[in-house]
């Protein structure tokens, strides 16, 4: 994807040596070129973006779907193919209303916990 002007990076998050979820991030290479030169298994992606590019986040749009795992996701999360997975797709926007981050996250449905605080 980097050849097309986009950077793609993925991370598996573990708890007690077991995979819990897998994330795939997409960024515009032109906007965040230094992202290609970093190892995000050793540093926080969000802290890097804030410190290096001073991105001021405004809001995100997020969708959640139940899906069954395909071969790739099953291998990464160490589950049988066809296991129920929670897929969350998020687009994060900066204060100029530009989409700067596209994220696909695949959670083990039996390990996922969600708590939301809503301002009303």
PDB file of N, CA and C in Angstrom:
ATOM      1  N   UNK A   1       0.818  -1.197   0.000  1.00  0.00           N
ATOM      2  CA  UNK A   1       0.000   0.000   0.000  1.00  0.00           C
ATOM      3  C   UNK A   1       0.861   1.261   0.000  1.00  0.00           C
ATOM      4  N   UNK A   2       2.099   1.187   0.522  1.00  0.00           N
ATOM      5  CA  UNK A   2       2.970   2.351   0.557  1.00  0.00           C
ATOM      6  C   UNK A   2       3.272   2.862  -0.851  1.00  0.00           C
ATOM      7  N   UNK A   3       3.326   1.978  -1.843  1.00  0.00           N
ATOM      8  CA  UNK A   3       3.586   2.378  -3.213  1.00  0.00           C
ATOM      9  C   UNK A   3       2.472   3.265  -3.761  1.00  0.00           C
ATOM     10  N   UNK A   4       1.278   3.109  -3.266  1.00  0.00           N
ATOM     11  CA  UNK A   4       0.139   3.870  -3.767  1.00  0.00           C
ATOM     12  C   UNK A   4      -0.028   5.213  -3.059  1.00  0.00           C
ATOM     13  N   UNK A   5       0.919   5.602  -2.255  1.00  0.00           N
ATOM     14  CA  UNK A   5       0.797   6.854  -1.525  1.00  0.00           C
ATOM     15  C   UNK A   5       0.261   6.689  -0.122  1.00  0.00           C
ATOM     16  N   UNK A   6       0.081   5.440   0.295  1.00  0.00           N
ATOM     17  CA  UNK A   6      -0.432   5.146   1.630  1.00  0.00           C
ATOM     18  C   UNK A   6       0.559   4.296   2.404  1.00  0.00           C
ATOM     19  N   UNK A   7       0.602   4.506   3.697  1.00  0.00           N
ATOM     20  CA  UNK A   7       1.402   3.693   4.612  1.00  0.00           C
ATOM     21  C   UNK A   7       0.447   2.770   5.335  1.00  0.00           C
ATOM     22  N   UNK A   8       0.808   1.500   5.418  1.00  0.00           N
ATOM     23  CA  UNK A   8       0.007   0.533   6.168  1.00  0.00           C
ATOM     24  C   UNK A   8       0.899  -0.099   7.221  1.00  0.00           C
ATOM     25  N   UNK A   9       0.432  -0.110   8.443  1.00  0.00           N
ATOM     26  CA  UNK A   9       1.164  -0.770   9.521  1.00  0.00           C
ATOM     27  C   UNK A   9       0.173  -1.536  10.385  1.00  0.00           C
ATOM     28  N   UNK A  10       0.586  -2.697  10.841  1.00  0.00           N
ATOM     29  CA  UNK A  10      -0.293  -3.524  11.662  1.00  0.00           C
ATOM     30  C   UNK A  10       0.357  -3.882  12.985  1.00  0.00           C
ATOM     31  N   UNK A  11      -0.487  -4.110  13.986  1.00  0.00           N
ATOM     32  CA  UNK A  11       0.010  -4.496  15.311  1.00  0.00           C
ATOM     33  C   UNK A  11      -0.931  -5.519  15.923  1.00  0.00           C
ATOM     34  N   UNK A  12      -0.346  -6.505  16.572  1.00  0.00           N
ATOM     35  CA  UNK A  12      -1.120  -7.461  17.359  1.00  0.00           C
ATOM     36  C   UNK A  12      -0.925  -7.087  18.817  1.00  0.00           C
ATOM     37  N   UNK A  13      -2.001  -6.948  19.557  1.00  0.00           N
ATOM     38  CA  UNK A  13      -1.936  -6.619  20.983  1.00  0.00           C
ATOM     39  C   UNK A  13      -2.152  -7.892  21.790  1.00  0.00           C
ATOM     40  N   UNK A  14      -1.289  -8.087  22.781  1.00  0.00           N
ATOM     41  CA  UNK A  14      -1.308  -9.302  23.594  1.00  0.00           C
ATOM     42  C   UNK A  14      -1.668  -8.992  25.037  1.00  0.00           C
ATOM     43  N   UNK A  15      -2.195  -9.991  25.708  1.00  0.00           N
ATOM     44  CA  UNK A  15      -2.421  -9.975  27.142  1.00  0.00           C
ATOM     45  C   UNK A  15      -2.088 -11.354  27.664  1.00  0.00           C
ATOM     46  N   UNK A  16      -1.197 -11.446  28.625  1.00  0.00           N
ATOM     47  CA  UNK A  16      -0.768 -12.744  29.171  1.00  0.00           C
ATOM     48  C   UNK A  16      -0.280 -13.670  28.060  1.00  0.00           C
ATOM     49  N   UNK A  17       0.502 -13.130  27.139  1.00  0.00           N
ATOM     50  CA  UNK A  17       1.081 -13.879  26.017  1.00  0.00           C
ATOM     51  C   UNK A  17       0.060 -14.421  25.027  1.00  0.00           C
ATOM     52  N   UNK A  18      -1.177 -13.957  25.099  1.00  0.00           N
ATOM     53  CA  UNK A  18      -2.214 -14.377  24.156  1.00  0.00           C
ATOM     54  C   UNK A  18      -2.669 -13.176  23.336  1.00  0.00           C
ATOM     55  N   UNK A  19      -2.870 -13.355  22.028  1.00  0.00           N
ATOM     56  CA  UNK A  19      -3.358 -12.234  21.216  1.00  0.00           C
ATOM     57  C   UNK A  19      -4.795 -11.884  21.581  1.00  0.00           C
ATOM     58  N   UNK A  20      -5.067 -10.596  21.677  1.00  0.00           N
ATOM     59  CA  UNK A  20      -6.411 -10.116  21.992  1.00  0.00           C
ATOM     60  C   UNK A  20      -7.045  -9.424  20.791  1.00  0.00           C
ATOM     61  N   UNK A  21      -6.240  -8.620  20.094  1.00  0.00           N
ATOM     62  CA  UNK A  21      -6.772  -7.956  18.909  1.00  0.00           C
ATOM     63  C   UNK A  21      -5.651  -7.558  17.965  1.00  0.00           C
ATOM     64  N   UNK A  22      -6.043  -7.324  16.722  1.00  0.00           N
ATOM     65  CA  UNK A  22      -5.125  -6.970  15.649  1.00  0.00           C
ATOM     66  C   UNK A  22      -5.613  -5.679  15.009  1.00  0.00           C
ATOM     67  N   UNK A  23      -4.702  -4.714  14.841  1.00  0.00           N
ATOM     68  CA  UNK A  23      -5.046  -3.424  14.241  1.00  0.00           C
ATOM     69  C   UNK A  23      -4.257  -3.216  12.958  1.00  0.00           C
ATOM     70  N   UNK A  24      -4.904  -2.622  11.967  1.00  0.00           N
ATOM     71  CA  UNK A  24      -4.238  -2.207  10.734  1.00  0.00           C
ATOM     72  C   UNK A  24      -4.502  -0.713  10.572  1.00  0.00           C
ATOM     73  N   UNK A  25      -3.416   0.073  10.511  1.00  0.00           N
ATOM     74  CA  UNK A  25      -3.508   1.525  10.346  1.00  0.00           C
ATOM     75  C   UNK A  25      -3.134   1.897   8.917  1.00  0.00           C
ATOM     76  N   UNK A  26      -3.819   2.901   8.383  1.00  0.00           N
ATOM     77  CA  UNK A  26      -3.495   3.464   7.074  1.00  0.00           C
ATOM     78  C   UNK A  26      -3.340   4.978   7.224  1.00  0.00           C
ATOM     79  N   UNK A  27      -2.228   5.486   6.668  1.00  0.00           N
ATOM     80  CA  UNK A  27      -1.943   6.919   6.698  1.00  0.00           C
ATOM     81  C   UNK A  27      -1.482   7.363   5.317  1.00  0.00           C
ATOM     82  N   UNK A  28      -1.709   8.633   4.994  1.00  0.00           N
ATOM     83  CA  UNK A  28      -1.173   9.187   3.755  1.00  0.00           C
ATOM     84  C   UNK A  28       0.338   9.345   3.905  1.00  0.00           C
ATOM     85  N   UNK A  29       1.099   8.745   2.990  1.00  0.00           N
ATOM     86  CA  UNK A  29       2.554   8.814   3.063  1.00  0.00           C
ATOM     87  C   UNK A  29       3.042  10.263   2.972  1.00  0.00           C
ATOM     88  N   UNK A  30       2.428  11.059   2.131  1.00  0.00           N
ATOM     89  CA  UNK A  30       2.832  12.452   1.952  1.00  0.00           C
ATOM     90  C   UNK A  30       2.653  13.265   3.236  1.00  0.00           C
ATOM     91  N   UNK A  31       1.627  12.963   3.999  1.00  0.00           N
ATOM     92  CA  UNK A  31       1.329  13.718   5.213  1.00  0.00           C
ATOM     93  C   UNK A  31       2.164  13.251   6.407  1.00  0.00           C
ATOM     94  N   UNK A  32       2.478  11.968   6.481  1.00  0.00           N
ATOM     95  CA  UNK A  32       3.201  11.403   7.630  1.00  0.00           C
ATOM     96  C   UNK A  32       4.393  10.560   7.175  1.00  0.00           C
ATOM     97  N   UNK A  33       5.344  11.126   6.419  1.00  0.00           N
ATOM     98  CA  UNK A  33       6.418  10.316   5.833  1.00  0.00           C
ATOM     99  C   UNK A  33       7.320   9.612   6.845  1.00  0.00           C
ATOM    100  N   UNK A  34       7.566  10.199   8.004  1.00  0.00           N
ATOM    101  CA  UNK A  34       8.461   9.583   8.993  1.00  0.00           C
ATOM    102  C   UNK A  34       7.891   8.313   9.610  1.00  0.00           C
ATOM    103  N   UNK A  35       6.611   8.079   9.410  1.00  0.00           N
ATOM    104  CA  UNK A  35       5.978   6.878   9.950  1.00  0.00           C
ATOM    105  C   UNK A  35       6.626   5.623   9.383  1.00  0.00           C
ATOM    106  N   UNK A  36       7.151   5.707   8.156  1.00  0.00           N
ATOM    107  CA  UNK A  36       7.812   4.556   7.522  1.00  0.00           C
ATOM    108  C   UNK A  36       9.094   4.146   8.234  1.00  0.00           C
ATOM    109  N   UNK A  37       9.717   5.066   8.963  1.00  0.00           N
ATOM    110  CA  UNK A  37      11.021   4.821   9.581  1.00  0.00           C
ATOM    111  C   UNK A  37      10.948   4.440  11.050  1.00  0.00           C
ATOM    112  N   UNK A  38       9.786   4.083  11.548  1.00  0.00           N
ATOM    113  CA  UNK A  38       9.626   3.807  12.976  1.00  0.00           C
ATOM    114  C   UNK A  38       9.222   2.368  13.224  1.00  0.00           C
ATOM    115  N   UNK A  39       9.540   1.904  14.439  1.00  0.00           N
ATOM    116  CA  UNK A  39       9.141   0.569  14.880  1.00  0.00           C
ATOM    117  C   UNK A  39       8.121   0.748  16.003  1.00  0.00           C
ATOM    118  N   UNK A  40       6.854   0.547  15.686  1.00  0.00           N
ATOM    119  CA  UNK A  40       5.804   0.811  16.665  1.00  0.00           C
ATOM    120  C   UNK A  40       5.562  -0.353  17.610  1.00  0.00           C
ATOM    121  N   UNK A  41       6.413  -1.366  17.542  1.00  0.00           N
ATOM    122  CA  UNK A  41       6.379  -2.378  18.601  1.00  0.00           C
ATOM    123  C   UNK A  41       7.196  -1.886  19.792  1.00  0.00           C
ATOM    124  N   UNK A  42       7.971  -0.811  19.574  1.00  0.00           N
ATOM    125  CA  UNK A  42       8.830  -0.269  20.625  1.00  0.00           C
ATOM    126  C   UNK A  42       8.393   1.108  21.114  1.00  0.00           C
ATOM    127  N   UNK A  43       7.439   1.727  20.442  1.00  0.00           N
ATOM    128  CA  UNK A  43       6.967   3.048  20.866  1.00  0.00           C
ATOM    129  C   UNK A  43       5.492   3.202  20.520  1.00  0.00           C
ATOM    130  N   UNK A  44       4.853   4.122  21.186  1.00  0.00           N
ATOM    131  CA  UNK A  44       3.430   4.374  20.973  1.00  0.00           C
ATOM    132  C   UNK A  44       3.217   5.133  19.666  1.00  0.00           C
ATOM    133  N   UNK A  45       2.380   4.589  18.821  1.00  0.00           N
ATOM    134  CA  UNK A  45       2.053   5.254  17.562  1.00  0.00           C
ATOM    135  C   UNK A  45       1.388   6.598  17.820  1.00  0.00           C
ATOM    136  N   UNK A  46       0.432   6.639  18.716  1.00  0.00           N
ATOM    137  CA  UNK A  46      -0.308   7.877  18.999  1.00  0.00           C
ATOM    138  C   UNK A  46       0.626   8.959  19.557  1.00  0.00           C
ATOM    139  N   UNK A  47       1.529   8.597  20.475  1.00  0.00           N
ATOM    140  CA  UNK A  47       2.483   9.572  21.031  1.00  0.00           C
ATOM    141  C   UNK A  47       3.404  10.081  19.926  1.00  0.00           C
ATOM    142  N   UNK A  48       3.887   9.169  19.079  1.00  0.00           N
ATOM    143  CA  UNK A  48       4.740   9.569  17.952  1.00  0.00           C
ATOM    144  C   UNK A  48       4.022  10.580  17.057  1.00  0.00           C
ATOM    145  N   UNK A  49       2.783  10.298  16.695  1.00  0.00           N
ATOM    146  CA  UNK A  49       2.036  11.209  15.818  1.00  0.00           C
ATOM    147  C   UNK A  49       1.836  12.569  16.473  1.00  0.00           C
ATOM    148  N   UNK A  50       1.513  12.560  17.756  1.00  0.00           N
ATOM    149  CA  UNK A  50       1.302  13.821  18.469  1.00  0.00           C
ATOM    150  C   UNK A  50       2.592  14.633  18.565  1.00  0.00           C
ATOM    151  N   UNK A  51       3.708  13.980  18.931  1.00  0.00           N
ATOM    152  CA  UNK A  51       4.973  14.694  19.127  1.00  0.00           C
ATOM    153  C   UNK A  51       5.631  15.096  17.810  1.00  0.00           C
ATOM    154  N   UNK A  52       5.605  14.222  16.819  1.00  0.00           N
ATOM    155  CA  UNK A  52       6.306  14.478  15.564  1.00  0.00           C
ATOM    156  C   UNK A  52       5.527  15.395  14.633  1.00  0.00           C
ATOM    157  N   UNK A  53       4.232  15.205  14.560  1.00  0.00           N
ATOM    158  CA  UNK A  53       3.420  15.949  13.600  1.00  0.00           C
ATOM    159  C   UNK A  53       2.435  16.910  14.248  1.00  0.00           C
ATOM    160  N   UNK A  54       2.380  16.901  15.564  1.00  0.00           N
ATOM    161  CA  UNK A  54       1.486  17.797  16.303  1.00  0.00           C
ATOM    162  C   UNK A  54       0.057  17.764  15.748  1.00  0.00           C
ATOM    163  N   UNK A  55      -0.412  16.559  15.461  1.00  0.00           N
ATOM    164  CA  UNK A  55      -1.776  16.422  14.959  1.00  0.00           C
ATOM    165  C   UNK A  55      -2.742  16.754  16.087  1.00  0.00           C
ATOM    166  N   UNK A  56      -3.649  17.622  15.809  1.00  0.00           N
ATOM    167  CA  UNK A  56      -4.681  17.972  16.779  1.00  0.00           C
ATOM    168  C   UNK A  56      -5.958  17.273  16.337  1.00  0.00           C
ATOM    169  N   UNK A  57      -6.280  16.205  17.039  1.00  0.00           N
ATOM    170  CA  UNK A  57      -7.430  15.389  16.683  1.00  0.00           C
ATOM    171  C   UNK A  57      -8.717  16.093  17.077  1.00  0.00           C
ATOM    172  N   UNK A  58      -9.733  15.930  16.264  1.00  0.00           N
ATOM    173  CA  UNK A  58     -11.016  16.558  16.532  1.00  0.00           C
ATOM    174  C   UNK A  58     -12.098  15.524  16.844  1.00  0.00           C
ATOM    175  N   UNK A  59     -12.264  14.543  15.964  1.00  0.00           N
ATOM    176  CA  UNK A  59     -13.308  13.535  16.167  1.00  0.00           C
ATOM    177  C   UNK A  59     -13.005  12.317  15.311  1.00  0.00           C
ATOM    178  N   UNK A  60     -13.767  11.272  15.532  1.00  0.00           N
ATOM    179  CA  UNK A  60     -13.632  10.047  14.740  1.00  0.00           C
ATOM    180  C   UNK A  60     -15.014   9.485  14.450  1.00  0.00           C
ATOM    181  N   UNK A  61     -15.127   8.823  13.323  1.00  0.00           N
ATOM    182  CA  UNK A  61     -16.325   8.069  12.971  1.00  0.00           C
ATOM    183  C   UNK A  61     -15.972   6.596  13.097  1.00  0.00           C
ATOM    184  N   UNK A  62     -16.836   5.844  13.731  1.00  0.00           N
ATOM    185  CA  UNK A  62     -16.522   4.443  13.998  1.00  0.00           C
ATOM    186  C   UNK A  62     -17.736   3.567  13.711  1.00  0.00           C
ATOM    187  N   UNK A  63     -17.472   2.412  13.116  1.00  0.00           N
ATOM    188  CA  UNK A  63     -18.497   1.402  12.859  1.00  0.00           C
ATOM    189  C   UNK A  63     -18.049   0.102  13.502  1.00  0.00           C
ATOM    190  N   UNK A  64     -18.994  -0.672  14.012  1.00  0.00           N
ATOM    191  CA  UNK A  64     -18.702  -1.986  14.597  1.00  0.00           C
ATOM    192  C   UNK A  64     -19.531  -3.038  13.880  1.00  0.00           C
ATOM    193  N   UNK A  65     -18.890  -4.173  13.569  1.00  0.00           N
ATOM    194  CA  UNK A  65     -19.565  -5.262  12.868  1.00  0.00           C
ATOM    195  C   UNK A  65     -19.117  -6.596  13.451  1.00  0.00           C
ATOM    196  N   UNK A  66     -20.012  -7.555  13.505  1.00  0.00           N
ATOM    197  CA  UNK A  66     -19.649  -8.936  13.817  1.00  0.00           C
ATOM    198  C   UNK A  66     -19.326  -9.624  12.502  1.00  0.00           C
ATOM    199  N   UNK A  67     -18.171 -10.283  12.453  1.00  0.00           N
ATOM    200  CA  UNK A  67     -17.771 -11.016  11.256  1.00  0.00           C
ATOM    201  C   UNK A  67     -17.181 -12.351  11.690  1.00  0.00           C
ATOM    202  N   UNK A  68     -16.981 -13.237  10.732  1.00  0.00           N
ATOM    203  CA  UNK A  68     -16.254 -14.470  11.026  1.00  0.00           C
ATOM    204  C   UNK A  68     -14.834 -14.301  10.505  1.00  0.00           C
ATOM    205  N   UNK A  69     -13.880 -14.848  11.243  1.00  0.00           N
ATOM    206  CA  UNK A  69     -12.476 -14.659  10.906  1.00  0.00           C
ATOM    207  C   UNK A  69     -12.110 -15.400   9.627  1.00  0.00           C
ATOM    208  N   UNK A  70     -11.304 -14.728   8.805  1.00  0.00           N
ATOM    209  CA  UNK A  70     -10.764 -15.376   7.618  1.00  0.00           C
ATOM    210  C   UNK A  70      -9.443 -16.050   8.001  1.00  0.00           C
ATOM    211  N   UNK A  71      -8.755 -16.606   7.034  1.00  0.00           N
ATOM    212  CA  UNK A  71      -7.517 -17.345   7.311  1.00  0.00           C
ATOM    213  C   UNK A  71      -6.455 -16.451   7.962  1.00  0.00           C
ATOM    214  N   UNK A  72      -6.231 -15.252   7.400  1.00  0.00           N
ATOM    215  CA  UNK A  72      -5.191 -14.361   7.920  1.00  0.00           C
ATOM    216  C   UNK A  72      -5.474 -13.939   9.362  1.00  0.00           C
ATOM    217  N   UNK A  73      -6.678 -13.464   9.633  1.00  0.00           N
ATOM    218  CA  UNK A  73      -7.022 -13.009  10.985  1.00  0.00           C
ATOM    219  C   UNK A  73      -6.969 -14.178  11.960  1.00  0.00           C
ATOM    220  N   UNK A  74      -7.425 -15.349  11.535  1.00  0.00           N
ATOM    221  CA  UNK A  74      -7.391 -16.537  12.399  1.00  0.00           C
ATOM    222  C   UNK A  74      -5.968 -16.892  12.787  1.00  0.00           C
ATOM    223  N   UNK A  75      -5.048 -16.834  11.830  1.00  0.00           N
ATOM    224  CA  UNK A  75      -3.645 -17.145  12.127  1.00  0.00           C
ATOM    225  C   UNK A  75      -3.044 -16.120  13.080  1.00  0.00           C
ATOM    226  N   UNK A  76      -3.326 -14.846  12.864  1.00  0.00           N
ATOM    227  CA  UNK A  76      -2.768 -13.794  13.717  1.00  0.00           C
ATOM    228  C   UNK A  76      -3.314 -13.848  15.140  1.00  0.00           C
ATOM    229  N   UNK A  77      -4.601 -14.140  15.274  1.00  0.00           N
ATOM    230  CA  UNK A  77      -5.225 -14.166  16.600  1.00  0.00           C
ATOM    231  C   UNK A  77      -5.246 -15.565  17.213  1.00  0.00           C
ATOM    232  N   UNK A  78      -4.687 -16.533  16.486  1.00  0.00           N
ATOM    233  CA  UNK A  78      -4.563 -17.918  16.975  1.00  0.00           C
ATOM    234  C   UNK A  78      -5.912 -18.516  17.360  1.00  0.00           C
ATOM    235  N   UNK A  79      -6.862 -18.415  16.419  1.00  0.00           N
ATOM    236  CA  UNK A  79      -8.190 -19.006  16.590  1.00  0.00           C
ATOM    237  C   UNK A  79      -8.525 -19.791  15.325  1.00  0.00           C
ATOM    238  N   UNK A  80      -9.545 -20.623  15.420  1.00  0.00           N
ATOM    239  CA  UNK A  80      -9.990 -21.367  14.252  1.00  0.00           C
ATOM    240  C   UNK A  80     -10.623 -20.424  13.236  1.00  0.00           C
ATOM    241  N   UNK A  81     -10.399 -20.717  11.952  1.00  0.00           N
ATOM    242  CA  UNK A  81     -11.045 -19.937  10.908  1.00  0.00           C
ATOM    243  C   UNK A  81     -12.554 -20.059  11.074  1.00  0.00           C
ATOM    244  N   UNK A  82     -13.256 -18.941  10.944  1.00  0.00           N
ATOM    245  CA  UNK A  82     -14.700 -18.926  11.133  1.00  0.00           C
ATOM    246  C   UNK A  82     -15.129 -18.508  12.527  1.00  0.00           C
ATOM    247  N   UNK A  83     -14.154 -18.220  13.404  1.00  0.00           N
ATOM    248  CA  UNK A  83     -14.460 -17.749  14.758  1.00  0.00           C
ATOM    249  C   UNK A  83     -15.106 -16.362  14.683  1.00  0.00           C
ATOM    250  N   UNK A  84     -16.073 -16.111  15.544  1.00  0.00           N
ATOM    251  CA  UNK A  84     -16.739 -14.815  15.579  1.00  0.00           C
ATOM    252  C   UNK A  84     -15.761 -13.742  16.063  1.00  0.00           C
ATOM    253  N   UNK A  85     -15.655 -12.680  15.292  1.00  0.00           N
ATOM    254  CA  UNK A  85     -14.726 -11.580  15.548  1.00  0.00           C
ATOM    255  C   UNK A  85     -15.520 -10.275  15.524  1.00  0.00           C
ATOM    256  N   UNK A  86     -15.109  -9.326  16.350  1.00  0.00           N
ATOM    257  CA  UNK A  86     -15.683  -7.986  16.295  1.00  0.00           C
ATOM    258  C   UNK A  86     -14.741  -7.119  15.465  1.00  0.00           C
ATOM    259  N   UNK A  87     -15.239  -6.575  14.373  1.00  0.00           N
ATOM    260  CA  UNK A  87     -14.459  -5.711  13.487  1.00  0.00           C
ATOM    261  C   UNK A  87     -14.916  -4.278  13.709  1.00  0.00           C
ATOM    262  N   UNK A  88     -13.960  -3.405  14.044  1.00  0.00           N
ATOM    263  CA  UNK A  88     -14.259  -1.985  14.229  1.00  0.00           C
ATOM    264  C   UNK A  88     -13.461  -1.188  13.206  1.00  0.00           C
ATOM    265  N   UNK A  89     -14.165  -0.385  12.442  1.00  0.00           N
ATOM    266  CA  UNK A  89     -13.559   0.472  11.428  1.00  0.00           C
ATOM    267  C   UNK A  89     -13.670   1.909  11.920  1.00  0.00           C
ATOM    268  N   UNK A  90     -12.532   2.627  11.949  1.00  0.00           N
ATOM    269  CA  UNK A  90     -12.537   4.002  12.461  1.00  0.00           C
ATOM    270  C   UNK A  90     -11.797   4.929  11.497  1.00  0.00           C
ATOM    271  N   UNK A  91     -12.335   6.115  11.307  1.00  0.00           N
ATOM    272  CA  UNK A  91     -11.667   7.181  10.570  1.00  0.00           C
ATOM    273  C   UNK A  91     -11.548   8.353  11.532  1.00  0.00           C
ATOM    274  N   UNK A  92     -10.304   8.807  11.771  1.00  0.00           N
ATOM    275  CA  UNK A  92     -10.056   9.915  12.699  1.00  0.00           C
ATOM    276  C   UNK A  92      -9.737  11.181  11.913  1.00  0.00           C
ATOM    277  N   UNK A  93     -10.320  12.293  12.353  1.00  0.00           N
ATOM    278  CA  UNK A  93     -10.186  13.572  11.660  1.00  0.00           C
ATOM    279  C   UNK A  93      -9.433  14.570  12.533  1.00  0.00           C
ATOM    280  N   UNK A  94      -8.676  15.456  11.880  1.00  0.00           N
ATOM    281  CA  UNK A  94      -7.992  16.513  12.615  1.00  0.00           C
ATOM    282  C   UNK A  94      -8.908  17.735  12.732  1.00  0.00           C
ATOM    283  N   UNK A  95      -8.380  18.802  13.351  1.00  0.00           N
ATOM    284  CA  UNK A  95      -9.207  19.991  13.586  1.00  0.00           C
ATOM    285  C   UNK A  95      -9.566  20.728  12.295  1.00  0.00           C
ATOM    286  N   UNK A  96      -8.919  20.364  11.187  1.00  0.00           N
ATOM    287  CA  UNK A  96      -9.237  20.960   9.890  1.00  0.00           C
ATOM    288  C   UNK A  96     -10.230  20.094   9.117  1.00  0.00           C
ATOM    289  N   UNK A  97     -10.804  19.117   9.810  1.00  0.00           N
ATOM    290  CA  UNK A  97     -11.801  18.209   9.243  1.00  0.00           C
ATOM    291  C   UNK A  97     -11.230  17.311   8.143  1.00  0.00           C
ATOM    292  N   UNK A  98      -9.920  17.059   8.202  1.00  0.00           N
ATOM    293  CA  UNK A  98      -9.278  16.165   7.235  1.00  0.00           C
ATOM    294  C   UNK A  98      -9.123  14.784   7.852  1.00  0.00           C
ATOM    295  N   UNK A  99      -9.490  13.741   7.126  1.00  0.00           N
ATOM    296  CA  UNK A  99      -9.276  12.386   7.650  1.00  0.00           C
ATOM    297  C   UNK A  99      -7.780  12.078   7.638  1.00  0.00           C
ATOM    298  N   UNK A 100      -7.222  11.733   8.782  1.00  0.00           N
ATOM    299  CA  UNK A 100      -5.775  11.514   8.894  1.00  0.00           C
ATOM    300  C   UNK A 100      -5.404  10.087   9.265  1.00  0.00           C
ATOM    301  N   UNK A 101      -6.360   9.326   9.745  1.00  0.00           N
ATOM    302  CA  UNK A 101      -6.047   7.974  10.211  1.00  0.00           C
ATOM    303  C   UNK A 101      -7.231   7.066   9.891  1.00  0.00           C
ATOM    304  N   UNK A 102      -6.923   5.939   9.259  1.00  0.00           N
ATOM    305  CA  UNK A 102      -7.925   4.911   8.972  1.00  0.00           C
ATOM    306  C   UNK A 102      -7.483   3.655   9.703  1.00  0.00           C
ATOM    307  N   UNK A 103      -8.351   3.100  10.530  1.00  0.00           N
ATOM    308  CA  UNK A 103      -7.971   1.946  11.349  1.00  0.00           C
ATOM    309  C   UNK A 103      -9.029   0.853  11.224  1.00  0.00           C
ATOM    310  N   UNK A 104      -8.554  -0.362  11.003  1.00  0.00           N
ATOM    311  CA  UNK A 104      -9.398  -1.557  11.070  1.00  0.00           C
ATOM    312  C   UNK A 104      -8.876  -2.392  12.227  1.00  0.00           C
ATOM    313  N   UNK A 105      -9.734  -2.694  13.183  1.00  0.00           N
ATOM    314  CA  UNK A 105      -9.338  -3.475  14.353  1.00  0.00           C
ATOM    315  C   UNK A 105     -10.204  -4.720  14.424  1.00  0.00           C
ATOM    316  N   UNK A 106      -9.541  -5.852  14.700  1.00  0.00           N
ATOM    317  CA  UNK A 106     -10.219  -7.144  14.783  1.00  0.00           C
ATOM    318  C   UNK A 106     -10.036  -7.679  16.198  1.00  0.00           C
ATOM    319  N   UNK A 107     -11.127  -7.725  16.959  1.00  0.00           N
ATOM    320  CA  UNK A 107     -11.103  -8.152  18.354  1.00  0.00           C
ATOM    321  C   UNK A 107     -11.654  -9.564  18.485  1.00  0.00           C
ATOM    322  N   UNK A 108     -11.088 -10.325  19.409  1.00  0.00           N
ATOM    323  CA  UNK A 108     -11.712 -11.583  19.792  1.00  0.00           C
ATOM    324  C   UNK A 108     -12.994 -11.221  20.526  1.00  0.00           C
ATOM    325  N   UNK A 109     -14.106 -11.679  20.024  1.00  0.00           N
ATOM    326  CA  UNK A 109     -15.403 -11.261  20.570  1.00  0.00           C
ATOM    327  C   UNK A 109     -15.560 -11.625  22.036  1.00  0.00           C
ATOM    328  N   UNK A 110     -14.952 -12.724  22.477  1.00  0.00           N
ATOM    329  CA  UNK A 110     -15.101 -13.136  23.876  1.00  0.00           C
ATOM    330  C   UNK A 110     -14.146 -12.402  24.811  1.00  0.00           C
ATOM    331  N   UNK A 111     -13.273 -11.544  24.273  1.00  0.00           N
ATOM    332  CA  UNK A 111     -12.324 -10.790  25.095  1.00  0.00           C
ATOM    333  C   UNK A 111     -12.617  -9.296  25.081  1.00  0.00           C
ATOM    334  N   UNK A 112     -13.575  -8.868  24.294  1.00  0.00           N
ATOM    335  CA  UNK A 112     -13.824  -7.445  24.095  1.00  0.00           C
ATOM    336  C   UNK A 112     -14.727  -6.890  25.185  1.00  0.00           C
ATOM    337  N   UNK A 113     -14.356  -5.709  25.672  1.00  0.00           N
ATOM    338  CA  UNK A 113     -15.136  -5.000  26.683  1.00  0.00           C
ATOM    339  C   UNK A 113     -15.239  -3.553  26.226  1.00  0.00           C
ATOM    340  N   UNK A 114     -16.410  -2.982  26.284  1.00  0.00           N
ATOM    341  CA  UNK A 114     -16.614  -1.618  25.826  1.00  0.00           C
ATOM    342  C   UNK A 114     -17.319  -0.811  26.901  1.00  0.00           C
ATOM    343  N   UNK A 115     -16.743   0.328  27.216  1.00  0.00           N
ATOM    344  CA  UNK A 115     -17.377   1.278  28.126  1.00  0.00           C
ATOM    345  C   UNK A 115     -17.311   2.639  27.458  1.00  0.00           C
ATOM    346  N   UNK A 116     -18.434   3.307  27.368  1.00  0.00           N
ATOM    347  CA  UNK A 116     -18.504   4.595  26.687  1.00  0.00           C
ATOM    348  C   UNK A 116     -19.077   5.636  27.633  1.00  0.00           C
ATOM    349  N   UNK A 117     -18.429   6.794  27.670  1.00  0.00           N
ATOM    350  CA  UNK A 117     -18.977   7.928  28.403  1.00  0.00           C
ATOM    351  C   UNK A 117     -19.545   8.895  27.379  1.00  0.00           C
ATOM    352  N   UNK A 118     -20.799   9.226  27.510  1.00  0.00           N
ATOM    353  CA  UNK A 118     -21.462  10.125  26.576  1.00  0.00           C
ATOM    354  C   UNK A 118     -21.775  11.445  27.259  1.00  0.00           C
ATOM    355  N   UNK A 119     -21.469  12.531  26.596  1.00  0.00           N
ATOM    356  CA  UNK A 119     -21.827  13.850  27.093  1.00  0.00           C
ATOM    357  C   UNK A 119     -23.181  14.209  26.502  1.00  0.00           C
ATOM    358  N   UNK A 120     -24.138  14.520  27.381  1.00  0.00           N
ATOM    359  CA  UNK A 120     -25.482  14.850  26.888  1.00  0.00           C
ATOM    360  C   UNK A 120     -25.964  16.162  27.474  1.00  0.00           C
TER     361      UNK A 120
END
